[in-house]
Each structure stands twice: as C-alpha cells, then as structure tokens.
Amino acid sequence: MEKKNLICDINSPDDVKKIGARPLEAPTDSDDEKAPSPGSLKTSPETALGASDSRVNQKGGSLEGVEIEAQEGEKKHLIEDWRNEILSADTRIDLPPLKPILSPILNEGETMIIYAKTGVGKSWFAMEMGKVIAEGGSFLGRYSVEAPRRVFYVDGEMGVRPFQDRLDKMKVHTGNLKYRTCDFPTDCKPWDFAKEEFQNALIRCVKEFQSDVAFLDNLTTLYIADKTNQQESWAIMQSFILRLRNSGLAVVIVDHSGKGVGLGPRGTSAKTDIMQTVIELETPVDYKDEDGARFNVHFRKHRNFFGDDAKPFEAWLTENGWEIGDVKEAPKPDRASDKEKAFSMFDEGKSVKDVLDELGKPPSTVYRWHAEWEGGKDG
C-alpha cells in the first residue's frame, strides 16, 4: 500500500494548487538551526519587498508589475504572486467538501480549543474525544466518527504512568492513537512549541504516523513563551497552528480558563480568533467533590454547526462510563423574599447596616426598602 505523502492526501504540487492547501513539509535535520522564526512563516508584502528593495510604481491608484531581485540573483514577480492569491466574488474555486472527523464539531483542517479551570476534567474530556476519533463510534452519545482516524496526542503535564493508567481505565487499545508525554524517556526535553526545534519535532511525528488530528494538552505546559505581552507571544503559536491547519491537520488545543468569570482561555482573547470551535467546561451548580469528572459543556463558538448540536449539556464520568444530561441552571435569587426579610428585620428594630450585613444587597436597594418600610409604617 502506497504511503501517503501528506496529511491531507495532497500528493503533488498540482493537487496543492488545485485546492489551495499547503503541504506540511517534513523538516530536515538541519532545519532546527536554519528554519525561519515562527513569526516569519507568513510574510507581508512590506516585509517581502523591504524598504531598500521596494520599487513600486503607483500611478493613478494602480500598482504596476514589480520585479524584485532575490539574494540568489533570481528575478521574482512578487506582485504577480500576490495577484494569484486574490479571489473575486463572481467566481468559485472547485473545493472538495469538508471531510468530517468528529461530526459535526470537527472536520479536517479545523482547529478547536477546550478550556476549563484546574481540576474540572478537561483532559478526561479531550482524551475521550481522542479515543473515539481513533477507534470510531460515538462521542458522549451526541457526535459520531464515521471511520477511525489517526491521532497524535501530546501531553505536557501528566507523565507516562498516569497517562497509561487513564488509557487502561478508558480501555484504549488501538494503534491509531500515538502519544508523547513530558517524562518519557527520562532524559527527554519537555516540548515547548515556542521554539522551532519542537515545532519541527511535532511535524516529523504527524508526518511519520500520518496523523489526521493532533491534540496539544495543555498550553500552559507546552507553550513556555515570554508572557510579558500576551498577544505578541501568542502570535508565534498562532502561526504554528495555522501552519498545521493549512496542511489539512485538525488541531485540538487544551487550555486553562482565565482567572475571571467568563473571560475565556487564560491569557489573550486572540487565542479563540483562529478556532472554528471553542468549548468551555464549567462546574455544575450542584457539583460535589466526590463527583469527580463532571462538568457542563458549553460551545462558546461554533462556525460550522448549530441547533441541537450546539446546545449545552452535562457530562459525568462514572464507573460505568459517561452519563449525559441537561444543564441545571443556578436558581435565581428570590428578591421578594429578601425584601420581606428586610422588612421583618426593620420591624425587629434592626438598622440599615444590620440588613446590609445580613443580606449582602447593594446599599441603594436596602435604603430604598427602608424608605418603603418607613412609608408603610406611617400609613
């Protein structure tokens, strides 16, 4: 059987040109030293021309053809190259249909991010997703895998022993799931995708194993960049993810939640910009410590599916497997009962300060209640 040359089944330059995808080049042994920085993967017209090499003749608002002499002495028609990348709304490119991996929430060449607070169960959720993609079947009784796919799972936190323990508990025994932990072999370097050498290492792995999906769990341990400027540091990882995505590889990122409520993944909000699907796992309102991996699944962003597929649900990993249910809403505060309690406290001679301390309501609300109570008493 002929080995696939590229992850997305693109085997020749003609195929690449036809559908507009870019092959994921396997790095050579010397690429770690000479490879461009991640930020230079996508070159802007200004960078390509350069201040000293630019010979743009702009007349009447139009750009004329420009020839730039490369360092090797070759002539490159950069403007013509850019024109080939511009599309017109009155024409259509014959693109192949999206091939589902986990229907309908993940297709080939798409990106997904899963985030939650520490200890909620995001790795259990991601590993279950990887297992179903590798073996085929149903994910949490809601989403389906038509045919098993090859999965490459990078775990930067647990280590090989706990990772294998989880595989045993999940009864995973398939060669379609390859994984790499942070401590095996014992003298290995932790992968850090802020560095080119580890980006190239991942590319070699997904090429070698012909992977369809890569899981990166989690960003805190796998992306150790200077976080002084969150948005600028994320640009390196974003370029790398786009490089993987443009090759046809699906990428699933696992991350921690931000410190505030409803702030999305930890760090810059730009993390979700290039994601087709954003999933947040939240602790249920009636959660107990003994529940273990139990959480509400919310789709905060979903570009290619909607309706019932995007509705939130509860997932609970029990001894008998996953149990799925409806999200339990937090009970709304009963303002009428708080008001009645405040009136009762006023009747007992309590002060406004006593009511504020007891009920924790805004001062303006308690003062308004007190004025109403005073008016009713006078009447």
Protein backbone atom coordinates (compact mmCIF):
# COMPACT_ATOMS: atom_id res chain seq x y z
CA MET A 1 0.00 0.00 0.00
CA GLU A 2 1.42 3.33 -1.04
CA LYS A 3 2.29 5.59 1.90
CA LYS A 4 0.55 8.94 1.96
CA ASN A 5 2.92 11.78 1.28
CA LEU A 6 0.92 14.44 3.02
CA ILE A 7 -1.53 14.56 5.89
CA CYS A 8 -4.33 15.93 3.78
CA ASP A 9 -3.84 13.47 0.92
CA ILE A 10 -2.24 16.07 -1.30
CA ASN A 11 0.44 14.25 -3.24
CA SER A 12 1.68 16.70 -5.83
CA PRO A 13 2.15 20.44 -6.44
CA ASP A 14 -0.80 20.28 -8.84
CA ASP A 15 -3.04 18.98 -6.05
CA VAL A 16 -1.86 21.75 -3.77
CA LYS A 17 -2.59 24.40 -6.35
CA LYS A 18 -5.97 22.89 -7.15
CA ILE A 19 -7.47 23.15 -3.68
CA GLY A 20 -5.38 25.94 -2.23
CA ALA A 21 -3.89 23.91 0.63
CA ARG A 22 -0.23 23.94 1.52
CA PRO A 23 1.70 20.75 2.21
CA LEU A 24 3.26 20.30 5.62
CA GLU A 25 6.93 19.97 4.84
CA ALA A 26 8.82 17.47 6.96
CA PRO A 27 11.83 19.31 8.43
CA THR A 28 15.32 18.12 7.64
CA ASP A 29 17.92 17.51 10.34
CA SER A 30 19.40 20.96 9.81
CA ASP A 31 16.10 22.83 9.87
CA ASP A 32 16.30 23.50 13.60
CA GLU A 33 19.25 25.81 13.01
CA LYS A 34 18.25 27.45 9.77
CA ALA A 35 14.47 27.44 9.91
CA PRO A 36 12.78 30.85 9.92
CA SER A 37 11.24 32.12 13.11
CA PRO A 38 7.54 31.25 13.54
CA GLY A 39 6.57 34.86 13.11
CA SER A 40 8.10 34.87 9.65
CA LEU A 41 6.04 31.96 8.36
CA LYS A 42 3.62 34.39 6.80
CA THR A 43 5.40 37.25 5.03
CA SER A 44 3.67 40.54 4.48
CA PRO A 45 4.08 42.44 1.20
CA GLU A 46 6.01 45.14 3.05
CA THR A 47 8.42 42.62 4.56
CA ALA A 48 8.85 40.80 1.24
CA LEU A 49 9.72 43.97 -0.64
CA GLY A 50 11.82 45.57 2.07
CA ALA A 51 12.44 49.28 2.40
CA SER A 52 15.57 49.27 0.23
CA ASP A 53 14.33 46.81 -2.41
CA SER A 54 10.93 48.33 -2.99
CA ARG A 55 10.37 49.63 -6.49
CA VAL A 56 6.63 50.06 -6.58
CA ASN A 57 5.37 52.42 -9.25
CA GLN A 58 1.95 53.64 -8.24
CA LYS A 59 0.13 55.65 -10.92
CA GLY A 60 -3.49 56.61 -10.81
CA GLY A 61 -4.09 54.34 -7.81
CA SER A 62 -2.92 51.15 -9.57
CA LEU A 63 0.19 49.06 -8.97
CA GLU A 64 2.28 48.14 -11.97
CA GLY A 65 4.23 44.89 -12.21
CA VAL A 66 7.29 44.90 -9.99
CA GLU A 67 10.36 42.72 -10.27
CA ILE A 68 12.45 42.15 -7.17
CA GLU A 69 15.91 40.65 -7.41
CA ALA A 70 16.41 37.94 -4.77
CA GLN A 71 19.66 37.38 -2.93
CA GLU A 72 20.39 34.44 -5.25
CA GLY A 73 20.19 36.79 -8.20
CA GLU A 74 16.89 35.37 -9.44
CA LYS A 75 14.01 37.56 -10.56
CA LYS A 76 10.75 37.08 -8.67
CA HIS A 77 7.48 38.62 -9.73
CA LEU A 78 6.10 39.16 -6.24
CA ILE A 79 3.20 41.33 -7.29
CA GLU A 80 2.06 38.64 -9.73
CA ASP A 81 2.31 36.06 -6.94
CA TRP A 82 0.06 38.18 -4.74
CA ARG A 83 -2.45 38.58 -7.54
CA ASN A 84 -2.71 34.80 -7.77
CA GLU A 85 -3.86 34.75 -4.14
CA ILE A 86 -6.69 37.25 -4.66
CA LEU A 87 -10.16 35.86 -5.40
CA SER A 88 -13.20 37.50 -6.99
CA ALA A 89 -16.77 37.18 -5.72
CA ASP A 90 -18.06 36.41 -9.22
CA THR A 91 -16.05 33.17 -9.49
CA ARG A 92 -15.83 30.00 -7.40
CA ILE A 93 -12.99 27.58 -6.78
CA ASP A 94 -13.80 23.89 -7.06
CA LEU A 95 -13.05 22.88 -3.47
CA PRO A 96 -13.57 19.37 -2.09
CA PRO A 97 -16.27 19.07 0.60
CA LEU A 98 -15.20 19.17 4.22
CA LYS A 99 -14.41 15.68 5.45
CA PRO A 100 -15.78 15.15 8.95
CA ILE A 101 -13.58 13.72 11.68
CA LEU A 102 -15.97 14.08 14.62
CA SER A 103 -19.26 15.04 13.03
CA PRO A 104 -20.32 17.79 13.06
CA ILE A 105 -17.99 19.57 15.50
CA LEU A 106 -14.58 18.80 13.96
CA ASN A 107 -13.56 18.49 10.31
CA GLU A 108 -10.24 18.02 8.56
CA GLY A 109 -8.05 21.11 8.77
CA GLU A 110 -10.06 22.72 11.58
CA THR A 111 -8.99 24.00 14.97
CA MET A 112 -10.69 23.60 18.34
CA ILE A 113 -9.85 24.83 21.83
CA ILE A 114 -11.17 23.24 25.03
CA TYR A 115 -10.70 25.20 28.25
CA ALA A 116 -11.69 24.88 31.89
CA LYS A 117 -10.48 25.62 35.39
CA THR A 118 -7.91 23.34 37.01
CA GLY A 119 -9.37 20.01 38.11
CA VAL A 120 -12.65 20.23 36.18
CA GLY A 121 -11.79 17.33 33.85
CA LYS A 122 -10.67 18.86 30.56
CA SER A 123 -8.02 16.18 29.95
CA TRP A 124 -10.58 13.39 30.53
CA PHE A 125 -12.84 15.13 28.01
CA ALA A 126 -10.03 15.57 25.45
CA MET A 127 -8.72 12.01 25.88
CA GLU A 128 -12.22 10.60 25.43
CA MET A 129 -12.52 12.62 22.23
CA GLY A 130 -9.16 11.32 21.01
CA LYS A 131 -10.14 7.73 21.86
CA VAL A 132 -13.40 7.91 19.90
CA ILE A 133 -11.69 9.51 16.89
CA ALA A 134 -9.04 6.75 16.92
CA GLU A 135 -11.48 3.86 17.43
CA GLY A 136 -14.65 5.12 15.76
CA GLY A 137 -18.13 5.26 17.26
CA SER A 138 -19.99 7.88 19.28
CA PHE A 139 -18.58 10.66 21.44
CA LEU A 140 -20.70 11.20 24.55
CA GLY A 141 -23.73 9.87 22.68
CA ARG A 142 -24.02 13.07 20.63
CA TYR A 143 -21.28 13.23 17.99
CA SER A 144 -20.09 10.49 15.65
CA VAL A 145 -16.95 9.24 13.93
CA GLU A 146 -17.70 7.59 10.59
CA ALA A 147 -14.29 5.97 10.23
CA PRO A 148 -11.38 5.72 12.69
CA ARG A 149 -8.63 8.29 12.21
CA ARG A 150 -5.01 8.52 13.31
CA VAL A 151 -4.50 10.65 16.42
CA PHE A 152 -1.28 12.11 17.85
CA TYR A 153 -1.70 13.23 21.46
CA VAL A 154 0.93 15.42 23.16
CA ASP A 155 0.57 15.62 26.95
CA GLY A 156 2.82 18.12 28.68
CA GLU A 157 1.59 17.59 32.22
CA MET A 158 0.65 14.09 33.39
CA GLY A 159 3.63 11.88 32.59
CA VAL A 160 3.64 8.39 31.09
CA ARG A 161 2.46 6.46 34.19
CA PRO A 162 -0.74 8.45 34.89
CA PHE A 163 -1.39 8.72 31.15
CA GLN A 164 -1.20 4.93 30.77
CA ASP A 165 -3.42 4.50 33.85
CA ARG A 166 -6.06 6.63 32.18
CA LEU A 167 -5.77 4.66 28.95
CA ASP A 168 -6.37 1.48 30.96
CA LYS A 169 -9.41 2.95 32.71
CA MET A 170 -10.76 4.08 29.35
CA LYS A 171 -9.93 0.67 27.80
CA VAL A 172 -7.98 2.20 24.94
CA HIS A 173 -6.02 -0.38 22.92
CA THR A 174 -5.56 0.96 19.41
CA GLY A 175 -2.52 1.68 17.29
CA ASN A 176 -4.35 4.67 15.82
CA LEU A 177 -3.59 6.69 18.95
CA LYS A 178 0.05 7.68 19.38
CA TYR A 179 1.09 9.84 22.31
CA ARG A 180 4.03 11.66 23.79
CA THR A 181 4.37 12.56 27.48
CA CYS A 182 6.68 15.02 29.22
CA ASP A 183 8.80 12.42 31.07
CA PHE A 184 9.46 9.56 28.65
CA PRO A 185 12.21 8.75 28.07
CA THR A 186 13.51 10.09 31.38
CA ASP A 187 16.23 12.19 29.73
CA CYS A 188 13.88 13.78 27.19
CA LYS A 189 13.41 17.50 26.79
CA PRO A 190 9.96 18.92 27.60
CA TRP A 191 8.37 20.07 24.36
CA ASP A 192 7.97 23.82 24.08
CA PHE A 193 6.20 24.97 20.93
CA ALA A 194 7.52 28.49 21.36
CA LYS A 195 10.75 27.04 19.92
CA GLU A 196 11.29 25.97 16.33
CA GLU A 197 13.01 22.69 17.19
CA PHE A 198 9.93 21.36 18.98
CA GLN A 199 7.57 22.60 16.29
CA ASN A 200 9.67 20.62 13.83
CA ALA A 201 9.57 17.59 16.14
CA LEU A 202 5.78 17.58 16.09
CA ILE A 203 5.74 17.96 12.32
CA ARG A 204 8.04 14.95 11.99
CA CYS A 205 5.74 12.90 14.23
CA VAL A 206 2.48 13.69 12.45
CA LYS A 207 4.19 13.05 9.11
CA GLU A 208 5.67 9.75 10.25
CA PHE A 209 2.41 8.46 11.73
CA GLN A 210 0.23 10.06 9.03
CA SER A 211 -1.87 11.65 11.75
CA ASP A 212 -5.22 13.28 10.99
CA VAL A 213 -5.62 15.04 14.36
CA ALA A 214 -3.13 16.47 16.86
CA PHE A 215 -4.10 17.09 20.49
CA LEU A 216 -1.94 19.55 22.47
CA ASP A 217 -2.69 19.20 26.20
CA ASN A 218 -2.16 21.80 27.58
CA LEU A 219 -0.89 25.22 26.52
CA THR A 220 0.44 26.15 29.97
CA THR A 221 2.99 23.33 29.83
CA LEU A 222 3.55 23.09 26.07
CA TYR A 223 3.98 26.76 25.22
CA ILE A 224 6.50 28.41 27.52
CA ALA A 225 6.90 31.79 25.87
CA ASP A 226 7.59 35.21 27.32
CA LYS A 227 4.15 36.28 28.53
CA THR A 228 5.07 39.95 29.06
CA ASN A 229 2.94 40.84 26.06
CA GLN A 230 0.33 38.07 25.79
CA GLN A 231 -0.86 38.98 22.30
CA GLU A 232 2.63 39.22 20.79
CA SER A 233 3.78 35.97 22.39
CA TRP A 234 0.64 34.19 21.15
CA ALA A 235 1.45 35.23 17.57
CA ILE A 236 4.25 32.62 17.49
CA MET A 237 1.90 29.79 18.46
CA GLN A 238 -0.83 31.09 16.20
CA SER A 239 1.48 30.96 13.18
CA PHE A 240 2.41 27.39 14.05
CA ILE A 241 -1.24 26.31 14.44
CA LEU A 242 -2.13 27.92 11.10
CA ARG A 243 0.79 26.10 9.51
CA LEU A 244 -0.59 22.79 10.78
CA ARG A 245 -4.17 23.66 9.89
CA ASN A 246 -3.32 24.75 6.35
CA SER A 247 -1.77 21.34 5.74
CA GLY A 248 -5.10 19.63 6.45
CA LEU A 249 -4.29 18.53 10.00
CA ALA A 250 -7.03 19.08 12.59
CA VAL A 251 -5.67 20.61 15.80
CA VAL A 252 -7.31 20.38 19.25
CA ILE A 253 -5.87 22.65 21.95
CA VAL A 254 -6.47 22.15 25.70
CA ASP A 255 -6.06 25.21 27.93
CA HIS A 256 -6.89 26.65 31.33
CA SER A 257 -9.60 29.24 31.93
CA GLY A 258 -8.79 32.83 32.64
CA LYS A 259 -8.89 33.99 36.26
CA GLY A 260 -12.10 35.97 35.88
CA VAL A 261 -15.58 34.62 35.19
CA GLY A 262 -16.45 34.37 31.51
CA LEU A 263 -13.05 35.55 30.29
CA GLY A 264 -12.35 32.59 28.01
CA PRO A 265 -8.99 30.78 27.89
CA ARG A 266 -6.10 32.01 30.01
CA GLY A 267 -4.16 34.92 28.50
CA THR A 268 -5.02 36.87 25.38
CA SER A 269 -8.51 36.73 23.87
CA ALA A 270 -6.81 36.31 20.48
CA LYS A 271 -6.49 32.57 21.22
CA THR A 272 -10.02 31.96 20.01
CA ASP A 273 -9.75 34.01 16.80
CA ILE A 274 -8.46 31.18 14.59
CA MET A 275 -10.59 28.47 16.20
CA GLN A 276 -13.60 27.03 14.43
CA THR A 277 -14.93 25.63 17.71
CA VAL A 278 -14.47 26.90 21.28
CA ILE A 279 -15.62 24.66 24.15
CA GLU A 280 -15.80 25.69 27.80
CA LEU A 281 -16.24 23.12 30.56
CA GLU A 282 -17.95 24.56 33.65
CA THR A 283 -18.58 23.11 37.08
CA PRO A 284 -22.31 22.34 37.63
CA VAL A 285 -24.15 24.35 40.28
CA ASP A 286 -24.82 21.22 42.38
CA TYR A 287 -21.33 19.72 42.00
CA LYS A 288 -19.86 17.77 44.93
CA ASP A 289 -16.19 16.91 45.41
CA GLU A 290 -16.91 13.20 45.21
CA ASP A 291 -18.44 13.61 41.73
CA GLY A 292 -15.03 13.59 40.01
CA ALA A 293 -15.03 14.50 36.30
CA ARG A 294 -18.45 16.11 35.99
CA PHE A 295 -19.00 19.31 34.05
CA ASN A 296 -21.26 21.32 31.79
CA VAL A 297 -20.18 21.51 28.13
CA HIS A 298 -20.76 24.92 26.51
CA PHE A 299 -19.99 25.79 22.90
CA ARG A 300 -18.82 29.39 23.10
CA LYS A 301 -18.04 29.48 19.37
CA HIS A 302 -19.24 27.14 16.61
CA ARG A 303 -18.79 28.16 12.99
CA ASN A 304 -19.94 25.01 11.17
CA PHE A 305 -22.80 23.63 13.28
CA PHE A 306 -25.81 24.96 15.15
CA GLY A 307 -29.17 23.98 16.66
CA ASP A 308 -29.27 20.92 18.90
CA ASP A 309 -25.63 20.10 18.11
CA ALA A 310 -24.55 23.35 19.78
CA LYS A 311 -26.78 23.11 22.85
CA PRO A 312 -25.01 22.86 26.22
CA PHE A 313 -25.17 19.57 28.11
CA GLU A 314 -23.82 17.93 31.25
CA ALA A 315 -21.24 15.11 31.06
CA TRP A 316 -20.31 12.91 34.03
CA LEU A 317 -17.65 10.19 34.01
CA THR A 318 -18.85 7.39 36.31
CA GLU A 319 -17.63 3.86 36.97
CA ASN A 320 -19.99 2.67 34.24
CA GLY A 321 -18.88 5.23 31.66
CA TRP A 322 -20.15 8.63 30.63
CA GLU A 323 -23.59 9.82 31.66
CA ILE A 324 -25.14 12.72 29.72
CA GLY A 325 -27.87 15.05 30.95
CA ASP A 326 -29.30 18.54 30.79
CA VAL A 327 -27.55 21.55 32.28
CA LYS A 328 -29.00 22.53 35.64
CA GLU A 329 -29.47 26.26 35.86
CA ALA A 330 -28.50 28.10 39.02
CA PRO A 331 -31.58 29.18 40.99
CA LYS A 332 -32.34 32.86 40.58
CA PRO A 333 -32.28 34.89 43.78
CA ASP A 334 -35.73 35.49 45.22
CA ARG A 335 -35.78 39.26 45.51
CA ALA A 336 -39.26 39.28 47.03
CA SER A 337 -38.19 37.06 49.93
CA ASP A 338 -35.09 39.22 50.52
CA LYS A 339 -37.28 42.28 50.65
CA GLU A 340 -39.71 40.60 53.02
CA LYS A 341 -36.82 39.53 55.25
CA ALA A 342 -35.50 43.09 55.28
CA PHE A 343 -38.94 44.40 56.31
CA SER A 344 -39.06 41.82 59.10
CA MET A 345 -35.64 42.91 60.32
CA PHE A 346 -36.77 46.57 60.30
CA ASP A 347 -39.83 45.51 62.32
CA GLU A 348 -37.46 43.93 64.84
CA GLY A 349 -35.61 47.22 65.17
CA LYS A 350 -32.63 46.28 63.04
CA SER A 351 -30.74 49.08 61.30
CA VAL A 352 -29.97 49.51 57.62
CA LYS A 353 -26.40 48.42 58.39
CA ASP A 354 -27.68 45.22 60.02
CA VAL A 355 -29.69 44.40 56.89
CA LEU A 356 -26.71 45.17 54.63
CA ASP A 357 -24.51 42.83 56.66
CA GLU A 358 -27.13 40.07 56.73
CA LEU A 359 -28.34 40.09 53.13
CA GLY A 360 -25.34 41.44 51.25
CA LYS A 361 -27.55 43.54 49.00
CA PRO A 362 -26.46 46.86 47.41
CA PRO A 363 -26.83 49.83 49.79
CA SER A 364 -29.13 51.65 47.35
CA THR A 365 -31.52 48.67 47.40
CA VAL A 366 -31.60 48.41 51.19
CA TYR A 367 -32.11 52.17 51.62
CA ARG A 368 -34.98 52.04 49.11
CA TRP A 369 -36.55 49.15 51.04
CA HIS A 370 -36.12 51.07 54.27
CA ALA A 371 -37.86 54.10 52.77
CA GLU A 372 -40.75 51.86 51.62
CA TRP A 373 -40.92 50.28 55.08
CA GLU A 374 -40.99 53.73 56.70
CA GLY A 375 -43.76 54.86 54.33
CA GLY A 376 -45.83 51.78 55.03
CA LYS A 377 -45.39 52.20 58.77
CA ASP A 378 -46.55 55.83 58.61
CA GLY A 379 -49.60 54.82 56.57
